Amino acid sequence: MIDAQTKMQFLFSLRAAGVTDTRVLEAMEKVPRHSFVQGHFTPRSYEDLAIPIASGQTISQPSIVGKMTTALNVRPRDKILEIGTGSGYQAAILSHLARRVYTVERHPSLARDARKLLDELRLVNVIVMTGDGSQGLVDQAPFDRILLTAAAEDPPANLLAQLRVGGIMVLPVGQTNAVQHLIKIEKMENGLEYEELGPVRFVPLIEGVAREP
């Protein structure tokens, strides 16, 4: 369990970092971040840090999660596609804001662990799938919102095609070892509108499903 003081400090640090949307803060307050962190990093669960998880991946720092979630501007009836489940933390937050969340993970063990944890938290509107997230989920498209938690060199055209007109995509864009930028894309009737939200650093978007021993 998280004590009241830790929770208060956590929310204060989010606000100090520019996360001020009330619905987003309430969702982040409801999700026990320590449940998504393991080992000796657990005591640091509520610090504004990116923390390593299995398969060489990370759980993003809370302020970045908050900014990405705010940029998505999720509505209660939205259907969301997340590329890169990781620990399941971002999907858990989205589950409190949207009607349904589809999240795709290329590492089978991460997908399995995230599915188990989200089930334990009774977040029944999240569907975790093992697959090639770079291809999206054509059979469930179109989506109201799409979120990538891995950096692409350019916004993937095939994923933009799965975004509903009027929808929003948020993703990091840039080379793996260079500066990446968080981008918000709104799909309009007459084209795409882009907004740059600041520098970030994410793992790269990789095609295919990972082979695991």
C-alpha atoms as a PDB file:
ATOM      1  CA  MET A   1       0.000   0.000   0.000  1.00  0.00           C
ATOM      2  CA  ILE A   2       1.100   3.580  -0.673  1.00  0.00           C
ATOM      3  CA  ASP A   3       0.918   5.947   2.290  1.00  0.00           C
ATOM      4  CA  ALA A   4      -0.859   9.289   2.080  1.00  0.00           C
ATOM      5  CA  GLN A   5       2.318  11.363   2.238  1.00  0.00           C
ATOM      6  CA  THR A   6       3.967   9.465  -0.614  1.00  0.00           C
ATOM      7  CA  LYS A   7       0.825   9.846  -2.725  1.00  0.00           C
ATOM      8  CA  MET A   8       0.693  13.574  -1.977  1.00  0.00           C
ATOM      9  CA  GLN A   9       4.349  14.027  -2.928  1.00  0.00           C
ATOM     10  CA  PHE A  10       3.790  12.001  -6.092  1.00  0.00           C
ATOM     11  CA  LEU A  11       0.885  14.193  -7.210  1.00  0.00           C
ATOM     12  CA  PHE A  12       2.796  17.355  -6.271  1.00  0.00           C
ATOM     13  CA  SER A  13       5.761  16.287  -8.419  1.00  0.00           C
ATOM     14  CA  LEU A  14       3.427  15.639 -11.350  1.00  0.00           C
ATOM     15  CA  ARG A  15       1.871  19.095 -11.046  1.00  0.00           C
ATOM     16  CA  ALA A  16       5.323  20.673 -10.719  1.00  0.00           C
ATOM     17  CA  ALA A  17       6.302  18.945 -13.973  1.00  0.00           C
ATOM     18  CA  GLY A  18       3.311  20.478 -15.761  1.00  0.00           C
ATOM     19  CA  VAL A  19       0.752  17.679 -15.469  1.00  0.00           C
ATOM     20  CA  THR A  20      -2.347  19.600 -14.384  1.00  0.00           C
ATOM     21  CA  ASP A  21      -5.276  17.852 -16.092  1.00  0.00           C
ATOM     22  CA  THR A  22      -7.603  16.774 -13.265  1.00  0.00           C
ATOM     23  CA  ARG A  23      -8.801  13.554 -14.929  1.00  0.00           C
ATOM     24  CA  VAL A  24      -5.234  12.483 -15.701  1.00  0.00           C
ATOM     25  CA  LEU A  25      -4.080  13.181 -12.146  1.00  0.00           C
ATOM     26  CA  GLU A  26      -7.031  11.245 -10.736  1.00  0.00           C
ATOM     27  CA  ALA A  27      -6.252   8.271 -12.983  1.00  0.00           C
ATOM     28  CA  MET A  28      -2.584   8.317 -11.999  1.00  0.00           C
ATOM     29  CA  GLU A  29      -3.564   8.500  -8.335  1.00  0.00           C
ATOM     30  CA  LYS A  30      -5.705   5.373  -8.716  1.00  0.00           C
ATOM     31  CA  VAL A  31      -2.954   3.243 -10.302  1.00  0.00           C
ATOM     32  CA  PRO A  32      -0.456   1.700  -7.833  1.00  0.00           C
ATOM     33  CA  ARG A  33       2.836   2.297  -9.667  1.00  0.00           C
ATOM     34  CA  HIS A  34       4.714   0.113  -7.176  1.00  0.00           C
ATOM     35  CA  SER A  35       2.793  -2.891  -8.514  1.00  0.00           C
ATOM     36  CA  PHE A  36       4.477  -2.387 -11.888  1.00  0.00           C
ATOM     37  CA  VAL A  37       8.028  -2.124 -10.494  1.00  0.00           C
ATOM     38  CA  GLN A  38      10.012  -5.085  -9.185  1.00  0.00           C
ATOM     39  CA  GLY A  39      13.077  -5.823  -7.106  1.00  0.00           C
ATOM     40  CA  HIS A  40      15.280  -3.195  -5.490  1.00  0.00           C
ATOM     41  CA  PHE A  41      13.660  -0.428  -7.585  1.00  0.00           C
ATOM     42  CA  THR A  42      10.318  -0.830  -5.782  1.00  0.00           C
ATOM     43  CA  PRO A  43      11.093   1.764  -3.053  1.00  0.00           C
ATOM     44  CA  ARG A  44      11.651   4.321  -5.836  1.00  0.00           C
ATOM     45  CA  SER A  45       8.334   3.629  -7.549  1.00  0.00           C
ATOM     46  CA  TYR A  46       6.917   7.106  -6.871  1.00  0.00           C
ATOM     47  CA  GLU A  47       9.988   9.100  -7.842  1.00  0.00           C
ATOM     48  CA  ASP A  48       9.932  10.820 -11.234  1.00  0.00           C
ATOM     49  CA  LEU A  49      12.256   8.265 -12.781  1.00  0.00           C
ATOM     50  CA  ALA A  50      12.246   5.868 -15.705  1.00  0.00           C
ATOM     51  CA  ILE A  51      12.877   2.432 -14.159  1.00  0.00           C
ATOM     52  CA  PRO A  52      14.241  -0.688 -15.880  1.00  0.00           C
ATOM     53  CA  ILE A  53      11.933  -3.679 -16.256  1.00  0.00           C
ATOM     54  CA  ALA A  54      12.449  -7.073 -17.893  1.00  0.00           C
ATOM     55  CA  SER A  55      13.491  -7.659 -21.533  1.00  0.00           C
ATOM     56  CA  GLY A  56      15.622  -4.513 -21.638  1.00  0.00           C
ATOM     57  CA  GLN A  57      12.595  -2.233 -21.455  1.00  0.00           C
ATOM     58  CA  THR A  58      11.631   0.555 -19.051  1.00  0.00           C
ATOM     59  CA  ILE A  59       8.612   1.939 -17.244  1.00  0.00           C
ATOM     60  CA  SER A  60       8.503   5.603 -18.233  1.00  0.00           C
ATOM     61  CA  GLN A  61       8.912   8.369 -15.689  1.00  0.00           C
ATOM     62  CA  PRO A  62       5.525   9.475 -14.317  1.00  0.00           C
ATOM     63  CA  SER A  63       5.788  13.047 -15.610  1.00  0.00           C
ATOM     64  CA  ILE A  64       6.226  11.772 -19.181  1.00  0.00           C
ATOM     65  CA  VAL A  65       3.340   9.340 -18.753  1.00  0.00           C
ATOM     66  CA  GLY A  66       1.231  12.236 -17.502  1.00  0.00           C
ATOM     67  CA  LYS A  67       2.194  14.514 -20.390  1.00  0.00           C
ATOM     68  CA  MET A  68       1.524  11.825 -23.008  1.00  0.00           C
ATOM     69  CA  THR A  69      -1.813  10.951 -21.443  1.00  0.00           C
ATOM     70  CA  THR A  70      -2.801  14.624 -21.269  1.00  0.00           C
ATOM     71  CA  ALA A  71      -1.859  15.134 -24.931  1.00  0.00           C
ATOM     72  CA  LEU A  72      -4.121  12.235 -25.949  1.00  0.00           C
ATOM     73  CA  ASN A  73      -7.138  14.114 -24.530  1.00  0.00           C
ATOM     74  CA  VAL A  74      -8.974  10.849 -23.900  1.00  0.00           C
ATOM     75  CA  ARG A  75     -12.761  10.876 -23.767  1.00  0.00           C
ATOM     76  CA  PRO A  76     -14.832   8.337 -21.790  1.00  0.00           C
ATOM     77  CA  ARG A  77     -16.158   6.545 -24.906  1.00  0.00           C
ATOM     78  CA  ASP A  78     -12.804   6.332 -26.705  1.00  0.00           C
ATOM     79  CA  LYS A  79     -11.209   3.148 -27.994  1.00  0.00           C
ATOM     80  CA  ILE A  80      -7.437   3.340 -27.638  1.00  0.00           C
ATOM     81  CA  LEU A  81      -4.546   1.471 -29.231  1.00  0.00           C
ATOM     82  CA  GLU A  82      -1.276   1.430 -27.287  1.00  0.00           C
ATOM     83  CA  ILE A  83       1.892   0.162 -28.957  1.00  0.00           C
ATOM     84  CA  GLY A  84       4.364  -1.128 -26.372  1.00  0.00           C
ATOM     85  CA  THR A  85       2.653  -2.507 -23.276  1.00  0.00           C
ATOM     86  CA  GLY A  86       5.825  -2.884 -21.228  1.00  0.00           C
ATOM     87  CA  SER A  87       4.820  -3.327 -17.589  1.00  0.00           C
ATOM     88  CA  GLY A  88       1.220  -2.317 -18.319  1.00  0.00           C
ATOM     89  CA  TYR A  89       1.431   0.913 -16.296  1.00  0.00           C
ATOM     90  CA  GLN A  90       0.391   3.287 -19.086  1.00  0.00           C
ATOM     91  CA  ALA A  91      -2.455   0.986 -20.134  1.00  0.00           C
ATOM     92  CA  ALA A  92      -3.684   0.892 -16.535  1.00  0.00           C
ATOM     93  CA  ILE A  93      -3.901   4.679 -16.454  1.00  0.00           C
ATOM     94  CA  LEU A  94      -5.683   4.798 -19.802  1.00  0.00           C
ATOM     95  CA  SER A  95      -8.172   2.204 -18.548  1.00  0.00           C
ATOM     96  CA  HIS A  96      -9.534   4.766 -16.064  1.00  0.00           C
ATOM     97  CA  LEU A  97     -10.108   7.302 -18.833  1.00  0.00           C
ATOM     98  CA  ALA A  98     -11.360   5.352 -21.858  1.00  0.00           C
ATOM     99  CA  ARG A  99     -13.987   2.777 -22.783  1.00  0.00           C
ATOM    100  CA  ARG A 100     -11.490   0.203 -24.036  1.00  0.00           C
ATOM    101  CA  VAL A 101      -7.715  -0.099 -24.351  1.00  0.00           C
ATOM    102  CA  TYR A 102      -5.988  -2.469 -26.761  1.00  0.00           C
ATOM    103  CA  THR A 103      -2.290  -2.755 -25.976  1.00  0.00           C
ATOM    104  CA  VAL A 104       0.262  -4.683 -28.055  1.00  0.00           C
ATOM    105  CA  GLU A 105       3.615  -5.976 -26.783  1.00  0.00           C
ATOM    106  CA  ARG A 106       6.318  -7.711 -28.852  1.00  0.00           C
ATOM    107  CA  HIS A 107       7.901  -9.460 -25.850  1.00  0.00           C
ATOM    108  CA  PRO A 108       5.672 -12.444 -24.921  1.00  0.00           C
ATOM    109  CA  SER A 109       6.857 -12.575 -21.289  1.00  0.00           C
ATOM    110  CA  LEU A 110       6.126  -8.858 -20.755  1.00  0.00           C
ATOM    111  CA  ALA A 111       2.667  -9.259 -22.283  1.00  0.00           C
ATOM    112  CA  ARG A 112       1.968 -12.271 -20.070  1.00  0.00           C
ATOM    113  CA  ASP A 113       3.077 -10.489 -16.880  1.00  0.00           C
ATOM    114  CA  ALA A 114       1.172  -7.308 -17.761  1.00  0.00           C
ATOM    115  CA  ARG A 115      -1.996  -9.271 -18.507  1.00  0.00           C
ATOM    116  CA  LYS A 116      -1.758 -11.055 -15.147  1.00  0.00           C
ATOM    117  CA  LEU A 117      -1.194  -7.809 -13.234  1.00  0.00           C
ATOM    118  CA  LEU A 118      -3.983  -5.917 -14.982  1.00  0.00           C
ATOM    119  CA  ASP A 119      -6.330  -8.837 -14.260  1.00  0.00           C
ATOM    120  CA  GLU A 120      -5.321  -8.717 -10.585  1.00  0.00           C
ATOM    121  CA  LEU A 121      -6.158  -4.994 -10.569  1.00  0.00           C
ATOM    122  CA  ARG A 122      -9.534  -5.864 -12.180  1.00  0.00           C
ATOM    123  CA  LEU A 123      -9.000  -3.532 -15.117  1.00  0.00           C
ATOM    124  CA  VAL A 124     -11.341  -5.477 -17.354  1.00  0.00           C
ATOM    125  CA  ASN A 125     -11.404  -2.949 -20.206  1.00  0.00           C
ATOM    126  CA  VAL A 126      -7.737  -3.553 -21.136  1.00  0.00           C
ATOM    127  CA  ILE A 127      -6.935  -6.191 -23.762  1.00  0.00           C
ATOM    128  CA  VAL A 128      -3.247  -7.192 -23.821  1.00  0.00           C
ATOM    129  CA  MET A 129      -1.991  -8.817 -27.002  1.00  0.00           C
ATOM    130  CA  THR A 130       1.362 -10.288 -27.986  1.00  0.00           C
ATOM    131  CA  GLY A 131       2.239  -9.145 -31.484  1.00  0.00           C
ATOM    132  CA  ASP A 132       4.064  -6.821 -33.840  1.00  0.00           C
ATOM    133  CA  GLY A 133       2.939  -3.430 -32.627  1.00  0.00           C
ATOM    134  CA  SER A 134       4.455  -1.693 -35.634  1.00  0.00           C
ATOM    135  CA  GLN A 135       1.572  -3.177 -37.645  1.00  0.00           C
ATOM    136  CA  GLY A 136      -1.122  -1.973 -35.265  1.00  0.00           C
ATOM    137  CA  LEU A 137      -4.423  -3.876 -35.067  1.00  0.00           C
ATOM    138  CA  VAL A 138      -6.140  -3.606 -38.431  1.00  0.00           C
ATOM    139  CA  ASP A 139      -9.077  -5.801 -37.405  1.00  0.00           C
ATOM    140  CA  GLN A 140      -9.974  -3.445 -34.516  1.00  0.00           C
ATOM    141  CA  ALA A 141      -9.444  -0.170 -36.398  1.00  0.00           C
ATOM    142  CA  PRO A 142     -10.324   2.620 -36.514  1.00  0.00           C
ATOM    143  CA  PHE A 143      -9.166   3.891 -33.118  1.00  0.00           C
ATOM    144  CA  ASP A 144     -10.058   7.190 -31.454  1.00  0.00           C
ATOM    145  CA  ARG A 145      -6.590   7.489 -29.920  1.00  0.00           C
ATOM    146  CA  ILE A 146      -3.236   5.807 -30.613  1.00  0.00           C
ATOM    147  CA  LEU A 147      -0.253   5.986 -28.256  1.00  0.00           C
ATOM    148  CA  LEU A 148       3.261   4.719 -28.993  1.00  0.00           C
ATOM    149  CA  THR A 149       5.683   4.126 -26.137  1.00  0.00           C
ATOM    150  CA  ALA A 150       8.559   3.376 -28.517  1.00  0.00           C
ATOM    151  CA  ALA A 151      10.275   5.819 -30.861  1.00  0.00           C
ATOM    152  CA  ALA A 152       9.740   5.681 -34.624  1.00  0.00           C
ATOM    153  CA  GLU A 153      11.944   7.532 -37.112  1.00  0.00           C
ATOM    154  CA  ASP A 154       8.762   8.973 -38.637  1.00  0.00           C
ATOM    155  CA  PRO A 155       5.075   8.673 -37.726  1.00  0.00           C
ATOM    156  CA  PRO A 156       4.094   5.247 -39.152  1.00  0.00           C
ATOM    157  CA  ALA A 157       1.694   5.692 -42.068  1.00  0.00           C
ATOM    158  CA  ASN A 158       0.042   2.319 -41.430  1.00  0.00           C
ATOM    159  CA  LEU A 159      -0.828   3.339 -37.871  1.00  0.00           C
ATOM    160  CA  LEU A 160      -2.114   6.736 -38.962  1.00  0.00           C
ATOM    161  CA  ALA A 161      -4.370   4.851 -41.362  1.00  0.00           C
ATOM    162  CA  GLN A 162      -5.886   3.069 -38.335  1.00  0.00           C
ATOM    163  CA  LEU A 163      -6.690   6.393 -36.628  1.00  0.00           C
ATOM    164  CA  ARG A 164     -10.206   7.732 -36.930  1.00  0.00           C
ATOM    165  CA  VAL A 165     -10.735  11.161 -38.512  1.00  0.00           C
ATOM    166  CA  GLY A 166     -10.816  13.517 -35.552  1.00  0.00           C
ATOM    167  CA  GLY A 167      -8.511  11.175 -33.636  1.00  0.00           C
ATOM    168  CA  ILE A 168      -5.183  11.852 -31.940  1.00  0.00           C
ATOM    169  CA  MET A 169      -1.872   9.992 -32.036  1.00  0.00           C
ATOM    170  CA  VAL A 170       0.941  10.702 -29.563  1.00  0.00           C
ATOM    171  CA  LEU A 171       4.389   9.238 -30.125  1.00  0.00           C
ATOM    172  CA  PRO A 172       8.123   9.835 -29.748  1.00  0.00           C
ATOM    173  CA  VAL A 173       9.880  10.448 -33.060  1.00  0.00           C
ATOM    174  CA  GLY A 174      13.609  10.346 -33.726  1.00  0.00           C
ATOM    175  CA  GLN A 175      16.732   8.240 -34.146  1.00  0.00           C
ATOM    176  CA  THR A 176      17.470   5.665 -31.444  1.00  0.00           C
ATOM    177  CA  ASN A 177      20.603   7.274 -30.029  1.00  0.00           C
ATOM    178  CA  ALA A 178      19.836  10.868 -30.933  1.00  0.00           C
ATOM    179  CA  VAL A 179      17.384  13.450 -29.679  1.00  0.00           C
ATOM    180  CA  GLN A 180      13.778  12.318 -29.826  1.00  0.00           C
ATOM    181  CA  HIS A 181      10.737  14.558 -29.738  1.00  0.00           C
ATOM    182  CA  LEU A 182       7.279  13.826 -28.432  1.00  0.00           C
ATOM    183  CA  ILE A 183       4.759  14.570 -31.183  1.00  0.00           C
ATOM    184  CA  LYS A 184       0.992  14.987 -31.117  1.00  0.00           C
ATOM    185  CA  ILE A 185      -0.825  14.384 -34.408  1.00  0.00           C
ATOM    186  CA  GLU A 186      -4.472  15.214 -35.006  1.00  0.00           C
ATOM    187  CA  LYS A 187      -6.091  13.580 -38.022  1.00  0.00           C
ATOM    188  CA  MET A 188      -8.342  16.101 -39.691  1.00  0.00           C
ATOM    189  CA  GLU A 189     -10.655  15.776 -42.707  1.00  0.00           C
ATOM    190  CA  ASN A 190      -8.154  17.717 -44.830  1.00  0.00           C
ATOM    191  CA  GLY A 191      -4.882  16.314 -43.462  1.00  0.00           C
ATOM    192  CA  LEU A 192      -2.717  16.015 -40.360  1.00  0.00           C
ATOM    193  CA  GLU A 193      -1.905  18.656 -37.751  1.00  0.00           C
ATOM    194  CA  TYR A 194       1.361  18.258 -35.836  1.00  0.00           C
ATOM    195  CA  GLU A 195       2.406  19.646 -32.463  1.00  0.00           C
ATOM    196  CA  GLU A 196       5.810  19.129 -30.852  1.00  0.00           C
ATOM    197  CA  LEU A 197       5.618  18.554 -27.093  1.00  0.00           C
ATOM    198  CA  GLY A 198       9.284  18.424 -26.073  1.00  0.00           C
ATOM    199  CA  PRO A 199      12.359  16.191 -25.950  1.00  0.00           C
ATOM    200  CA  VAL A 200      12.090  12.602 -24.691  1.00  0.00           C
ATOM    201  CA  ARG A 201      14.042   9.336 -24.809  1.00  0.00           C
ATOM    202  CA  PHE A 202      12.340   6.010 -25.519  1.00  0.00           C
ATOM    203  CA  VAL A 203      13.368   2.562 -26.704  1.00  0.00           C
ATOM    204  CA  PRO A 204      13.079   2.154 -30.500  1.00  0.00           C
ATOM    205  CA  LEU A 205      10.004   0.810 -32.278  1.00  0.00           C
ATOM    206  CA  ILE A 206      11.044  -2.623 -33.575  1.00  0.00           C
ATOM    207  CA  GLU A 207       9.171  -4.774 -36.056  1.00  0.00           C
ATOM    208  CA  GLY A 208       8.294  -8.399 -35.342  1.00  0.00           C
ATOM    209  CA  VAL A 209       7.683 -10.426 -32.195  1.00  0.00           C
ATOM    210  CA  ALA A 210      10.703 -10.966 -29.930  1.00  0.00           C
ATOM    211  CA  ARG A 211      12.091 -14.478 -29.593  1.00  0.00           C
ATOM    212  CA  GLU A 212      12.522 -15.484 -26.000  1.00  0.00           C
ATOM    213  CA  PRO A 213      14.279 -18.530 -24.484  1.00  0.00           C
END
